[in-house]
Amino acid sequence: MRESTKRVHDHSTEQLKLGLILTSKPLYAETLSLFLPIYAFLEEALERNKDHPQLGLLYPLLPELERAPGFEKDVEFYRGKDVIIEKSVPVEEYVAYLKELEETSPVALLAWYYHMYMAIFAGGFIIKKTVMKTMRLSSEEGVQAFVFETPPNRVRDNLKQIFNDMNLSAAQEEIVIREGPKVFMRNDALMENLRGGVAFRNAEADCCRFITQVTVAVVIVLVAISIAMMQASKA
């Protein structure tokens, strides 16, 4: 699975690295809000498919994998509880695609669980550390999506072991392998959506004005997740 996504993964990572840095809380909150529905769907789908022959093998890890509640807390922290998150067409299309997979080919979702969660548990601590420094946070409020009760490397090892031991037919393996690159393609679509937003334009303008004074900049969550995916693929 790692090899099958290397080319598109490298393209995605390089694309996201091109000058997209976080310089504002609104931009960070917007990025979090893009990923919240995706992780929420994956976690709800795992609950619905706990008796599935393959997805069910991941179900015991759900309490440790679960990230959506943390994303929700972080969005509220930066935006406030009363702020309504506007619908994003790329996110709606993203979730609609995942729903279609659940209905027609649930085994294909394995690619999404592997890449999305290996990314979180491979690089989440880097994201948390960077965000806390850049946002000058005095506590872990605002980085709950990347707070882990179980050591991340242990969760990552358990996840890899489950995939290594999973009994897939040749046809199922082919489905999962073909699905892998689509994870990064969908995330690229989210990046394009972010680029067109007001928060991104404002942050970009601020960055240009103060670039000579900026000594530490945090890469937006989408970039950090993509980089973490690269680290996970090499693990």
C-alpha atoms as a PDB file:
ATOM      1  CA  MET A   1       0.000   0.000   0.000  1.00  0.00           C
ATOM      2  CA  ARG A   2       2.850   2.384   0.802  1.00  0.00           C
ATOM      3  CA  GLU A   3       4.561   1.734  -2.548  1.00  0.00           C
ATOM      4  CA  SER A   4       1.341   2.138  -4.518  1.00  0.00           C
ATOM      5  CA  THR A   5       0.861   5.685  -3.229  1.00  0.00           C
ATOM      6  CA  LYS A   6       4.457   6.898  -3.287  1.00  0.00           C
ATOM      7  CA  ARG A   7       4.293   8.815  -6.595  1.00  0.00           C
ATOM      8  CA  VAL A   8       0.993  10.596  -5.950  1.00  0.00           C
ATOM      9  CA  HIS A   9       1.983  11.046  -2.319  1.00  0.00           C
ATOM     10  CA  ASP A  10       5.240  12.776  -3.208  1.00  0.00           C
ATOM     11  CA  HIS A  11       3.367  15.032  -5.647  1.00  0.00           C
ATOM     12  CA  SER A  12       0.819  15.916  -2.998  1.00  0.00           C
ATOM     13  CA  THR A  13       3.474  16.675  -0.393  1.00  0.00           C
ATOM     14  CA  GLU A  14       5.489  18.925  -2.717  1.00  0.00           C
ATOM     15  CA  GLN A  15       2.357  20.761  -3.834  1.00  0.00           C
ATOM     16  CA  LEU A  16       1.318  21.455  -0.266  1.00  0.00           C
ATOM     17  CA  LYS A  17       4.771  22.651   0.726  1.00  0.00           C
ATOM     18  CA  LEU A  18       4.736  25.501  -1.781  1.00  0.00           C
ATOM     19  CA  GLY A  19       4.522  28.532   0.459  1.00  0.00           C
ATOM     20  CA  LEU A  20       1.363  27.565   2.362  1.00  0.00           C
ATOM     21  CA  ILE A  21       2.097  28.467   5.949  1.00  0.00           C
ATOM     22  CA  LEU A  22      -0.232  29.165   8.770  1.00  0.00           C
ATOM     23  CA  THR A  23      -0.164  32.758   9.950  1.00  0.00           C
ATOM     24  CA  SER A  24      -3.620  33.136  11.481  1.00  0.00           C
ATOM     25  CA  LYS A  25      -6.037  31.392  13.760  1.00  0.00           C
ATOM     26  CA  PRO A  26      -8.900  31.783  11.253  1.00  0.00           C
ATOM     27  CA  LEU A  27      -6.894  29.847   8.662  1.00  0.00           C
ATOM     28  CA  TYR A  28      -6.035  27.128  11.148  1.00  0.00           C
ATOM     29  CA  ALA A  29      -9.672  26.858  12.218  1.00  0.00           C
ATOM     30  CA  GLU A  30     -10.790  26.660   8.608  1.00  0.00           C
ATOM     31  CA  THR A  31      -8.346  23.840   7.947  1.00  0.00           C
ATOM     32  CA  LEU A  32      -9.553  21.931  11.001  1.00  0.00           C
ATOM     33  CA  SER A  33     -13.144  22.358   9.852  1.00  0.00           C
ATOM     34  CA  LEU A  34     -12.288  20.725   6.525  1.00  0.00           C
ATOM     35  CA  PHE A  35     -11.016  17.565   8.188  1.00  0.00           C
ATOM     36  CA  LEU A  36     -13.622  17.310  10.937  1.00  0.00           C
ATOM     37  CA  PRO A  37     -16.411  15.820   8.743  1.00  0.00           C
ATOM     38  CA  ILE A  38     -13.986  13.364   7.158  1.00  0.00           C
ATOM     39  CA  TYR A  39     -12.682  11.903  10.391  1.00  0.00           C
ATOM     40  CA  ALA A  40     -16.214  11.965  11.812  1.00  0.00           C
ATOM     41  CA  PHE A  41     -17.480   9.915   8.875  1.00  0.00           C
ATOM     42  CA  LEU A  42     -14.646   7.381   9.072  1.00  0.00           C
ATOM     43  CA  GLU A  43     -15.219   6.850  12.776  1.00  0.00           C
ATOM     44  CA  GLU A  44     -18.983   6.573  12.437  1.00  0.00           C
ATOM     45  CA  ALA A  45     -18.522   4.148   9.526  1.00  0.00           C
ATOM     46  CA  LEU A  46     -16.250   1.972  11.641  1.00  0.00           C
ATOM     47  CA  GLU A  47     -18.967   1.789  14.282  1.00  0.00           C
ATOM     48  CA  ARG A  48     -21.534   0.840  11.649  1.00  0.00           C
ATOM     49  CA  ASN A  49     -19.241  -1.810  10.161  1.00  0.00           C
ATOM     50  CA  LYS A  50     -17.927  -3.381  13.350  1.00  0.00           C
ATOM     51  CA  ASP A  51     -19.152  -6.782  12.150  1.00  0.00           C
ATOM     52  CA  HIS A  52     -17.541  -6.488   8.717  1.00  0.00           C
ATOM     53  CA  PRO A  53     -14.901  -9.223   8.170  1.00  0.00           C
ATOM     54  CA  GLN A  54     -12.092  -6.720   7.597  1.00  0.00           C
ATOM     55  CA  LEU A  55     -13.266  -3.344   8.914  1.00  0.00           C
ATOM     56  CA  GLY A  56     -14.348  -5.066  12.107  1.00  0.00           C
ATOM     57  CA  LEU A  57     -10.713  -5.910  12.824  1.00  0.00           C
ATOM     58  CA  LEU A  58     -10.048  -2.191  13.233  1.00  0.00           C
ATOM     59  CA  TYR A  59     -13.046  -1.605  15.478  1.00  0.00           C
ATOM     60  CA  PRO A  60     -11.301  -2.502  18.785  1.00  0.00           C
ATOM     61  CA  LEU A  61      -8.848   0.325  18.063  1.00  0.00           C
ATOM     62  CA  LEU A  62     -11.605   2.923  17.621  1.00  0.00           C
ATOM     63  CA  PRO A  63     -11.270   4.454  21.125  1.00  0.00           C
ATOM     64  CA  GLU A  64      -7.591   5.141  20.394  1.00  0.00           C
ATOM     65  CA  LEU A  65      -8.051   6.122  16.756  1.00  0.00           C
ATOM     66  CA  GLU A  66     -10.943   8.515  17.369  1.00  0.00           C
ATOM     67  CA  ARG A  67      -9.991  12.072  16.355  1.00  0.00           C
ATOM     68  CA  ALA A  68     -13.271  13.781  15.410  1.00  0.00           C
ATOM     69  CA  PRO A  69     -14.124  14.908  18.976  1.00  0.00           C
ATOM     70  CA  GLY A  70     -10.715  16.552  19.232  1.00  0.00           C
ATOM     71  CA  PHE A  71     -11.131  18.320  15.912  1.00  0.00           C
ATOM     72  CA  GLU A  72     -14.521  19.586  17.038  1.00  0.00           C
ATOM     73  CA  LYS A  73     -13.114  20.951  20.304  1.00  0.00           C
ATOM     74  CA  ASP A  74     -10.308  22.693  18.463  1.00  0.00           C
ATOM     75  CA  VAL A  75     -12.669  24.317  15.958  1.00  0.00           C
ATOM     76  CA  GLU A  76     -14.792  25.597  18.845  1.00  0.00           C
ATOM     77  CA  PHE A  77     -11.669  26.860  20.612  1.00  0.00           C
ATOM     78  CA  TYR A  78     -10.601  29.002  17.670  1.00  0.00           C
ATOM     79  CA  ARG A  79     -13.990  29.982  16.266  1.00  0.00           C
ATOM     80  CA  GLY A  80     -16.304  29.893  19.259  1.00  0.00           C
ATOM     81  CA  LYS A  81     -19.263  27.586  19.866  1.00  0.00           C
ATOM     82  CA  ASP A  82     -21.804  29.863  18.216  1.00  0.00           C
ATOM     83  CA  VAL A  83     -20.016  30.191  14.869  1.00  0.00           C
ATOM     84  CA  ILE A  84     -21.665  28.203  12.092  1.00  0.00           C
ATOM     85  CA  ILE A  85     -19.234  26.356   9.847  1.00  0.00           C
ATOM     86  CA  GLU A  86     -20.078  27.057   6.225  1.00  0.00           C
ATOM     87  CA  LYS A  87     -20.508  24.039   3.978  1.00  0.00           C
ATOM     88  CA  SER A  88     -17.625  23.273   1.663  1.00  0.00           C
ATOM     89  CA  VAL A  89     -18.390  21.684  -1.703  1.00  0.00           C
ATOM     90  CA  PRO A  90     -15.087  19.725  -1.822  1.00  0.00           C
ATOM     91  CA  VAL A  91     -15.726  18.383   1.694  1.00  0.00           C
ATOM     92  CA  GLU A  92     -19.296  17.409   0.815  1.00  0.00           C
ATOM     93  CA  GLU A  93     -18.048  15.639  -2.312  1.00  0.00           C
ATOM     94  CA  TYR A  94     -15.295  13.972  -0.271  1.00  0.00           C
ATOM     95  CA  VAL A  95     -17.758  12.612   2.305  1.00  0.00           C
ATOM     96  CA  ALA A  96     -20.251  11.633  -0.405  1.00  0.00           C
ATOM     97  CA  TYR A  97     -17.535   9.576  -2.051  1.00  0.00           C
ATOM     98  CA  LEU A  98     -16.744   7.819   1.226  1.00  0.00           C
ATOM     99  CA  LYS A  99     -20.450   7.096   1.733  1.00  0.00           C
ATOM    100  CA  GLU A 100     -20.586   5.549  -1.721  1.00  0.00           C
ATOM    101  CA  LEU A 101     -17.636   3.326  -0.859  1.00  0.00           C
ATOM    102  CA  GLU A 102     -19.309   2.221   2.355  1.00  0.00           C
ATOM    103  CA  GLU A 103     -22.422   1.246   0.433  1.00  0.00           C
ATOM    104  CA  THR A 104     -20.796  -0.397  -2.579  1.00  0.00           C
ATOM    105  CA  SER A 105     -17.298  -1.529  -1.550  1.00  0.00           C
ATOM    106  CA  PRO A 106     -16.609  -1.204   2.187  1.00  0.00           C
ATOM    107  CA  VAL A 107     -13.254  -2.944   1.898  1.00  0.00           C
ATOM    108  CA  ALA A 108     -12.003   0.052  -0.135  1.00  0.00           C
ATOM    109  CA  LEU A 109     -12.312   2.181   3.016  1.00  0.00           C
ATOM    110  CA  LEU A 110      -9.322   0.298   4.407  1.00  0.00           C
ATOM    111  CA  ALA A 111      -7.061   2.547   2.332  1.00  0.00           C
ATOM    112  CA  TRP A 112      -8.563   5.612   3.994  1.00  0.00           C
ATOM    113  CA  TYR A 113      -8.194   4.213   7.497  1.00  0.00           C
ATOM    114  CA  TYR A 114      -4.597   3.283   6.834  1.00  0.00           C
ATOM    115  CA  HIS A 115      -3.394   6.550   5.334  1.00  0.00           C
ATOM    116  CA  MET A 116      -5.474   9.023   7.347  1.00  0.00           C
ATOM    117  CA  TYR A 117      -4.740   7.478  10.734  1.00  0.00           C
ATOM    118  CA  MET A 118      -1.139   6.477  10.116  1.00  0.00           C
ATOM    119  CA  ALA A 119      -0.602  10.141   9.250  1.00  0.00           C
ATOM    120  CA  ILE A 120      -2.136  11.358  12.500  1.00  0.00           C
ATOM    121  CA  PHE A 121      -0.198   8.937  14.668  1.00  0.00           C
ATOM    122  CA  ALA A 122       3.081   9.386  12.808  1.00  0.00           C
ATOM    123  CA  GLY A 123       3.141  13.176  12.859  1.00  0.00           C
ATOM    124  CA  GLY A 124       0.482  14.408  15.275  1.00  0.00           C
ATOM    125  CA  PHE A 125       2.991  15.264  17.983  1.00  0.00           C
ATOM    126  CA  ILE A 126       4.862  17.490  15.521  1.00  0.00           C
ATOM    127  CA  ILE A 127       1.658  19.282  14.597  1.00  0.00           C
ATOM    128  CA  LYS A 128       0.767  19.795  18.264  1.00  0.00           C
ATOM    129  CA  LYS A 129       4.194  21.111  19.199  1.00  0.00           C
ATOM    130  CA  THR A 130       4.328  23.490  16.236  1.00  0.00           C
ATOM    131  CA  VAL A 131       0.809  24.831  16.713  1.00  0.00           C
ATOM    132  CA  MET A 132       1.320  25.396  20.436  1.00  0.00           C
ATOM    133  CA  LYS A 133       4.481  27.369  19.728  1.00  0.00           C
ATOM    134  CA  THR A 134       3.109  29.417  16.856  1.00  0.00           C
ATOM    135  CA  MET A 135      -0.250  30.113  18.501  1.00  0.00           C
ATOM    136  CA  ARG A 136       1.465  30.721  21.847  1.00  0.00           C
ATOM    137  CA  LEU A 137      -0.824  28.312  23.630  1.00  0.00           C
ATOM    138  CA  SER A 138      -0.223  27.798  27.330  1.00  0.00           C
ATOM    139  CA  SER A 139      -2.181  24.533  27.468  1.00  0.00           C
ATOM    140  CA  GLU A 140      -3.361  21.780  25.164  1.00  0.00           C
ATOM    141  CA  GLU A 141      -6.612  23.599  24.486  1.00  0.00           C
ATOM    142  CA  GLY A 142      -6.575  24.170  20.753  1.00  0.00           C
ATOM    143  CA  VAL A 143      -4.617  21.009  19.934  1.00  0.00           C
ATOM    144  CA  GLN A 144      -6.999  18.339  21.223  1.00  0.00           C
ATOM    145  CA  ALA A 145      -7.026  16.582  17.853  1.00  0.00           C
ATOM    146  CA  PHE A 146      -3.402  15.659  18.492  1.00  0.00           C
ATOM    147  CA  VAL A 147      -3.522  14.687  22.140  1.00  0.00           C
ATOM    148  CA  PHE A 148      -3.033  10.932  22.589  1.00  0.00           C
ATOM    149  CA  GLU A 149      -3.734   8.886  25.698  1.00  0.00           C
ATOM    150  CA  THR A 150      -1.927   5.876  24.231  1.00  0.00           C
ATOM    151  CA  PRO A 151       1.604   6.416  22.871  1.00  0.00           C
ATOM    152  CA  PRO A 152       1.201   7.130  19.138  1.00  0.00           C
ATOM    153  CA  ASN A 153       3.894   4.671  18.104  1.00  0.00           C
ATOM    154  CA  ARG A 154       2.027   1.890  19.898  1.00  0.00           C
ATOM    155  CA  VAL A 155      -1.210   2.705  18.100  1.00  0.00           C
ATOM    156  CA  ARG A 156       0.649   2.916  14.815  1.00  0.00           C
ATOM    157  CA  ASP A 157       2.303  -0.456  15.389  1.00  0.00           C
ATOM    158  CA  ASN A 158      -1.036  -2.032  16.298  1.00  0.00           C
ATOM    159  CA  LEU A 159      -2.639  -0.569  13.197  1.00  0.00           C
ATOM    160  CA  LYS A 160       0.146  -1.858  10.951  1.00  0.00           C
ATOM    161  CA  GLN A 161      -0.057  -5.290  12.536  1.00  0.00           C
ATOM    162  CA  ILE A 162      -3.784  -5.513  11.911  1.00  0.00           C
ATOM    163  CA  PHE A 163      -3.267  -4.642   8.256  1.00  0.00           C
ATOM    164  CA  ASN A 164      -0.378  -7.074   7.907  1.00  0.00           C
ATOM    165  CA  ASP A 165      -2.445  -9.903   9.368  1.00  0.00           C
ATOM    166  CA  MET A 166      -5.627  -9.044   7.504  1.00  0.00           C
ATOM    167  CA  ASN A 167      -6.972 -11.847   5.342  1.00  0.00           C
ATOM    168  CA  LEU A 168      -7.710 -10.207   2.001  1.00  0.00           C
ATOM    169  CA  SER A 169      -8.357 -11.965  -1.275  1.00  0.00           C
ATOM    170  CA  ALA A 170      -6.320 -10.982  -4.310  1.00  0.00           C
ATOM    171  CA  ALA A 171      -9.298  -9.013  -5.613  1.00  0.00           C
ATOM    172  CA  GLN A 172      -9.714  -7.174  -2.306  1.00  0.00           C
ATOM    173  CA  GLU A 173      -6.012  -6.339  -2.164  1.00  0.00           C
ATOM    174  CA  GLU A 174      -6.274  -4.841  -5.632  1.00  0.00           C
ATOM    175  CA  ILE A 175      -9.250  -2.707  -4.567  1.00  0.00           C
ATOM    176  CA  VAL A 176      -7.396  -1.347  -1.546  1.00  0.00           C
ATOM    177  CA  ILE A 177      -4.207  -0.673  -3.511  1.00  0.00           C
ATOM    178  CA  ARG A 178      -6.095   1.173  -6.257  1.00  0.00           C
ATOM    179  CA  GLU A 179      -7.890   3.255  -3.633  1.00  0.00           C
ATOM    180  CA  GLY A 180      -4.732   4.489  -1.892  1.00  0.00           C
ATOM    181  CA  PRO A 181      -3.764   7.267  -4.333  1.00  0.00           C
ATOM    182  CA  LYS A 182      -7.298   8.661  -4.158  1.00  0.00           C
ATOM    183  CA  VAL A 183      -6.721   9.629  -0.517  1.00  0.00           C
ATOM    184  CA  PHE A 184      -4.050  12.118  -1.573  1.00  0.00           C
ATOM    185  CA  MET A 185      -6.000  13.309  -4.599  1.00  0.00           C
ATOM    186  CA  ARG A 186      -8.979  14.171  -2.393  1.00  0.00           C
ATOM    187  CA  ASN A 187      -6.723  15.990   0.048  1.00  0.00           C
ATOM    188  CA  ASP A 188      -5.264  17.992  -2.831  1.00  0.00           C
ATOM    189  CA  ALA A 189      -8.808  19.057  -3.708  1.00  0.00           C
ATOM    190  CA  LEU A 190      -9.246  20.331  -0.145  1.00  0.00           C
ATOM    191  CA  MET A 191      -6.056  22.338  -0.497  1.00  0.00           C
ATOM    192  CA  GLU A 192      -7.354  23.968  -3.651  1.00  0.00           C
ATOM    193  CA  ASN A 193     -10.524  24.918  -1.780  1.00  0.00           C
ATOM    194  CA  LEU A 194      -8.478  26.381   1.073  1.00  0.00           C
ATOM    195  CA  ARG A 195      -6.428  28.483  -1.329  1.00  0.00           C
ATOM    196  CA  GLY A 196      -9.543  30.193  -2.561  1.00  0.00           C
ATOM    197  CA  GLY A 197     -10.818  31.138   0.887  1.00  0.00           C
ATOM    198  CA  VAL A 198     -10.750  34.510   2.609  1.00  0.00           C
ATOM    199  CA  ALA A 199      -8.728  33.189   5.556  1.00  0.00           C
ATOM    200  CA  PHE A 200      -5.994  31.956   3.249  1.00  0.00           C
ATOM    201  CA  ARG A 201      -5.818  35.233   1.327  1.00  0.00           C
ATOM    202  CA  ASN A 202      -5.640  37.220   4.555  1.00  0.00           C
ATOM    203  CA  ALA A 203      -2.953  34.970   5.999  1.00  0.00           C
ATOM    204  CA  GLU A 204      -0.980  35.145   2.758  1.00  0.00           C
ATOM    205  CA  ALA A 205      -1.154  38.944   2.802  1.00  0.00           C
ATOM    206  CA  ASP A 206      -0.042  39.058   6.438  1.00  0.00           C
ATOM    207  CA  CYS A 207       2.826  36.730   5.646  1.00  0.00           C
ATOM    208  CA  CYS A 208       4.008  38.959   2.806  1.00  0.00           C
ATOM    209  CA  ARG A 209       3.880  42.052   5.001  1.00  0.00           C
ATOM    210  CA  PHE A 210       5.743  40.541   7.911  1.00  0.00           C
ATOM    211  CA  ILE A 211       7.926  37.919   6.257  1.00  0.00           C
ATOM    212  CA  THR A 212      11.170  39.580   7.409  1.00  0.00           C
ATOM    213  CA  GLN A 213      10.005  39.426  11.011  1.00  0.00           C
ATOM    214  CA  VAL A 214       8.706  35.880  10.973  1.00  0.00           C
ATOM    215  CA  THR A 215      11.141  33.391  12.454  1.00  0.00           C
ATOM    216  CA  VAL A 216       8.773  30.485  13.085  1.00  0.00           C
ATOM    217  CA  ALA A 217       5.851  29.551  10.862  1.00  0.00           C
ATOM    218  CA  VAL A 218       3.600  26.556  11.222  1.00  0.00           C
ATOM    219  CA  VAL A 219       2.534  24.607   8.182  1.00  0.00           C
ATOM    220  CA  ILE A 220      -1.241  24.320   7.971  1.00  0.00           C
ATOM    221  CA  VAL A 221      -2.841  21.152   9.223  1.00  0.00           C
ATOM    222  CA  LEU A 222      -3.336  19.779   5.733  1.00  0.00           C
ATOM    223  CA  VAL A 223       0.380  20.228   4.967  1.00  0.00           C
ATOM    224  CA  ALA A 224       1.410  18.693   8.273  1.00  0.00           C
ATOM    225  CA  ILE A 225      -0.858  15.715   7.700  1.00  0.00           C
ATOM    226  CA  SER A 226       0.554  15.220   4.233  1.00  0.00           C
ATOM    227  CA  ILE A 227       4.118  15.333   5.559  1.00  0.00           C
ATOM    228  CA  ALA A 228       3.146  12.935   8.322  1.00  0.00           C
ATOM    229  CA  MET A 229       1.784  10.594   5.646  1.00  0.00           C
ATOM    230  CA  MET A 230       5.195  10.607   4.023  1.00  0.00           C
ATOM    231  CA  GLN A 231       6.792   9.737   7.347  1.00  0.00           C
ATOM    232  CA  ALA A 232       4.269   6.983   7.877  1.00  0.00           C
ATOM    233  CA  SER A 233       4.937   5.571   4.418  1.00  0.00           C
ATOM    234  CA  LYS A 234       8.611   5.248   5.297  1.00  0.00           C
ATOM    235  CA  ALA A 235       7.914   3.665   8.717  1.00  0.00           C
END
